[in-house]
């Protein structure tokens, strides 16, 4: 399931939900809802979110960085 994969990807970064949402540029509550399965984004958005979170892990993003785009 998307929510499980998203949670796992974020856990690997070591970042909180709040910090992950801030870095990737979405509202904290939206991110939390995705991880809890309260709401599910479109397949396109799912793919983009997972790519962004996995990128955080690969880059070792500092907690004060933001992804621009």
Protein backbone atom coordinates (compact mmCIF):
# COMPACT_ATOMS: atom_id res chain seq x y z
CA UNK A 1 0.00 0.00 0.00
CA UNK A 2 1.08 3.54 -0.71
CA UNK A 3 0.82 4.69 2.92
CA UNK A 4 3.13 1.91 4.09
CA UNK A 5 5.70 2.57 1.40
CA UNK A 6 5.64 6.31 2.10
CA UNK A 7 6.08 5.76 5.83
CA UNK A 8 8.96 3.34 5.24
CA UNK A 9 10.69 5.74 2.86
CA UNK A 10 10.42 8.60 5.36
CA UNK A 11 11.61 6.43 8.25
CA UNK A 12 14.77 5.71 6.28
CA UNK A 13 15.50 9.45 6.11
CA UNK A 14 15.26 9.84 9.87
CA UNK A 15 13.07 12.92 9.42
CA UNK A 16 9.75 13.67 11.10
CA UNK A 17 6.53 13.89 9.11
CA UNK A 18 6.53 17.65 9.70
CA UNK A 19 10.08 18.13 8.43
CA UNK A 20 9.56 15.84 5.44
CA UNK A 21 6.41 17.73 4.42
CA UNK A 22 8.20 21.06 4.84
CA UNK A 23 11.16 19.98 2.71
CA UNK A 24 9.06 18.55 -0.11
CA UNK A 25 6.71 21.53 0.01
CA UNK A 26 3.32 20.15 1.00
CA UNK A 27 1.17 20.92 4.05
CA UNK A 28 2.06 18.86 7.12
CA UNK A 29 -1.51 17.67 7.59
CA UNK A 30 -1.72 16.48 3.97
CA UNK A 31 1.46 14.47 4.41
CA UNK A 32 0.21 12.98 7.69
CA UNK A 33 -3.08 12.01 6.04
CA UNK A 34 -1.21 10.22 3.26
CA UNK A 35 0.89 8.24 5.74
CA UNK A 36 -2.17 7.34 7.84
CA UNK A 37 -4.22 6.36 4.79
CA UNK A 38 -6.87 8.98 5.54
CA UNK A 39 -6.50 10.26 1.99
CA UNK A 40 -4.72 8.89 -1.06
CA UNK A 41 -3.22 11.03 -3.80
CA UNK A 42 -3.47 10.23 -7.49
CA UNK A 43 -1.08 7.60 -8.86
CA UNK A 44 0.96 10.37 -10.48
CA UNK A 45 1.28 12.21 -7.15
CA UNK A 46 2.06 8.98 -5.31
CA UNK A 47 4.99 8.36 -7.63
CA UNK A 48 6.23 11.96 -7.31
CA UNK A 49 6.01 11.89 -3.50
CA UNK A 50 7.84 8.60 -3.21
CA UNK A 51 10.56 9.83 -5.56
CA UNK A 52 10.95 13.01 -3.50
CA UNK A 53 11.17 11.16 -0.18
CA UNK A 54 13.59 8.55 -1.56
CA UNK A 55 15.67 11.43 -2.95
CA UNK A 56 15.91 12.89 0.55
CA UNK A 57 17.41 9.63 1.72
CA UNK A 58 19.90 9.44 -1.16
CA UNK A 59 20.99 13.05 -0.79
CA UNK A 60 21.24 13.04 2.99
CA UNK A 61 19.32 16.31 2.93
CA UNK A 62 20.02 18.66 5.79
CA UNK A 63 17.00 19.52 7.90
CA UNK A 64 17.08 23.15 6.78
CA UNK A 65 17.05 22.31 3.05
CA UNK A 66 14.06 22.43 0.75
CA UNK A 67 13.54 20.72 -2.54
CA UNK A 68 12.95 23.30 -5.24
CA UNK A 69 11.07 22.62 -8.35
